[in-house]
Amino acid sequence: MGETITFWVLAVVSVGAALGMVFNRKAVYSALMHYFKAVEAAGTDHARAVIAKMRALPVNDFFARNGKLREDGRLLMDMYLLEVKRPQDVAALGDYYRLLQVIPGAQAFRPLEEGGCPYLSNKT
């Protein structure tokens, strides 16, 4: 019986880790595409010029909507408050959530002043 319980606990952890890896892979792809767009827009691969262009360009792709790269490196993007639908409300495969609210990135993330970023505190 102990092996069965261990299997089910580890199975859930494994699936969660796999989903996290998919999420992380998409985030990395989005970040790289934003970097490549900034290099093209800046006309150089010089770090300071590219970072400035990355902060100036909005991020709008499959991963982030209305995204803005802040000076401390945090990506502010819209976040979604979802409700899981009851089984009888699911109309088709993949139709599991109801959008309740879109939370703008400026409200969803900690303000820059409260971040405590060492880079910004040493910049003065």
Protein backbone atom coordinates (compact mmCIF):
# COMPACT_ATOMS: atom_id res chain seq x y z
CA MET A 1 0.00 0.00 0.00
CA GLY A 2 2.86 2.40 0.74
CA GLU A 3 4.20 2.03 -2.82
CA THR A 4 0.79 2.94 -4.26
CA ILE A 5 0.56 6.10 -2.18
CA THR A 6 4.13 7.03 -3.07
CA PHE A 7 3.33 6.54 -6.77
CA TRP A 8 0.31 8.85 -6.65
CA VAL A 9 2.16 11.52 -4.70
CA LEU A 10 5.13 11.40 -7.07
CA ALA A 11 2.86 11.30 -10.14
CA VAL A 12 1.22 14.58 -9.12
CA VAL A 13 4.60 16.17 -8.39
CA SER A 14 5.96 14.96 -11.75
CA VAL A 15 3.02 16.36 -13.70
CA GLY A 16 3.33 19.68 -11.84
CA ALA A 17 7.05 19.83 -12.62
CA ALA A 18 6.41 19.03 -16.28
CA LEU A 19 3.82 21.79 -16.54
CA GLY A 20 6.28 24.18 -14.90
CA MET A 21 8.90 23.27 -17.47
CA VAL A 22 6.46 23.99 -20.31
CA PHE A 23 5.58 27.33 -18.72
CA ASN A 24 9.26 28.19 -18.24
CA ARG A 25 10.09 27.23 -21.82
CA LYS A 26 7.40 29.57 -23.11
CA ALA A 27 8.64 32.40 -20.88
CA VAL A 28 12.20 31.94 -22.15
CA TYR A 29 11.01 31.91 -25.78
CA SER A 30 9.02 35.11 -25.21
CA ALA A 31 12.01 36.81 -23.56
CA LEU A 32 14.38 35.81 -26.37
CA MET A 33 11.98 37.01 -29.06
CA HIS A 34 11.64 40.33 -27.25
CA TYR A 35 15.46 40.58 -27.07
CA PHE A 36 15.80 39.83 -30.81
CA LYS A 37 13.18 42.48 -31.66
CA ALA A 38 15.07 44.99 -29.49
CA VAL A 39 18.39 44.19 -31.20
CA GLU A 40 16.75 44.71 -34.59
CA ALA A 41 15.06 47.95 -33.50
CA ALA A 42 18.24 49.28 -31.89
CA GLY A 43 20.35 48.38 -34.91
CA THR A 44 23.09 47.05 -32.64
CA ASP A 45 23.75 44.33 -30.10
CA HIS A 46 25.40 46.76 -27.66
CA ALA A 47 23.95 45.86 -24.25
CA ARG A 48 22.94 49.33 -23.04
CA ALA A 49 21.20 50.21 -26.31
CA VAL A 50 19.39 46.87 -26.44
CA ILE A 51 18.22 47.05 -22.82
CA ALA A 52 16.94 50.59 -23.37
CA LYS A 53 15.05 49.39 -26.45
CA MET A 54 13.68 46.37 -24.56
CA ARG A 55 12.28 48.73 -21.93
CA ALA A 56 10.80 50.98 -24.61
CA LEU A 57 9.13 48.22 -26.67
CA PRO A 58 5.89 46.67 -25.38
CA VAL A 59 5.67 42.90 -24.97
CA ASN A 60 2.58 41.51 -26.69
CA ASP A 61 2.81 37.83 -27.53
CA PHE A 62 1.36 34.47 -26.53
CA PHE A 63 2.98 34.73 -23.10
CA ALA A 64 2.44 38.35 -22.07
CA ARG A 65 -0.22 40.89 -22.94
CA ASN A 66 0.43 44.61 -22.44
CA GLY A 67 3.87 43.78 -21.07
CA LYS A 68 6.42 46.38 -20.06
CA LEU A 69 9.96 45.65 -18.91
CA ARG A 70 10.61 47.75 -15.83
CA GLU A 71 13.96 49.29 -14.85
CA ASP A 72 14.50 46.61 -12.17
CA GLY A 73 14.09 43.86 -14.77
CA ARG A 74 10.56 42.79 -13.77
CA LEU A 75 8.12 42.25 -16.61
CA LEU A 76 4.79 43.86 -15.81
CA MET A 77 2.01 42.15 -17.74
CA ASP A 78 -1.72 41.68 -17.48
CA MET A 79 -2.73 38.86 -15.14
CA TYR A 80 -5.98 36.96 -15.31
CA LEU A 81 -8.34 35.94 -12.51
CA LEU A 82 -10.02 32.74 -13.67
CA GLU A 83 -12.72 30.54 -12.23
CA VAL A 84 -12.79 26.81 -12.89
CA LYS A 85 -16.07 25.91 -14.56
CA ARG A 86 -18.36 23.26 -13.15
CA PRO A 87 -18.31 20.07 -15.24
CA GLN A 88 -21.84 20.73 -16.56
CA ASP A 89 -20.74 24.20 -17.80
CA VAL A 90 -17.87 22.89 -19.93
CA ALA A 91 -18.92 23.20 -23.58
CA ALA A 92 -15.87 21.64 -25.28
CA LEU A 93 -12.49 20.11 -24.60
CA GLY A 94 -10.25 22.80 -23.10
CA ASP A 95 -13.18 25.00 -22.05
CA TYR A 96 -12.43 24.77 -18.34
CA TYR A 97 -12.12 28.38 -17.16
CA ARG A 98 -14.25 31.50 -17.03
CA LEU A 99 -12.43 34.84 -17.13
CA LEU A 100 -13.52 36.92 -14.15
CA GLN A 101 -11.12 39.85 -14.35
CA VAL A 102 -8.08 41.16 -16.19
CA ILE A 103 -5.68 42.75 -13.70
CA PRO A 104 -3.33 45.34 -15.27
CA GLY A 105 0.36 44.67 -14.66
CA ALA A 106 0.82 47.91 -12.72
CA GLN A 107 -1.72 46.63 -10.16
CA ALA A 108 -0.73 42.95 -10.25
CA PHE A 109 2.95 43.43 -9.33
CA ARG A 110 4.74 45.12 -6.46
CA PRO A 111 5.52 48.81 -7.09
CA LEU A 112 9.09 49.66 -8.07
CA GLU A 113 9.62 51.70 -4.89
CA GLU A 114 8.84 48.67 -2.70
CA GLY A 115 11.02 46.25 -4.62
CA GLY A 116 14.32 46.76 -2.86
CA CYS A 117 16.31 46.13 -6.03
CA PRO A 118 20.04 46.41 -5.16
CA TYR A 119 20.86 47.59 -8.70
CA LEU A 120 18.53 50.56 -8.41
CA SER A 121 19.58 51.43 -4.86
CA ASN A 122 23.25 51.57 -5.95
CA LYS A 123 22.40 53.69 -8.98
CA THR A 124 21.82 56.95 -7.11
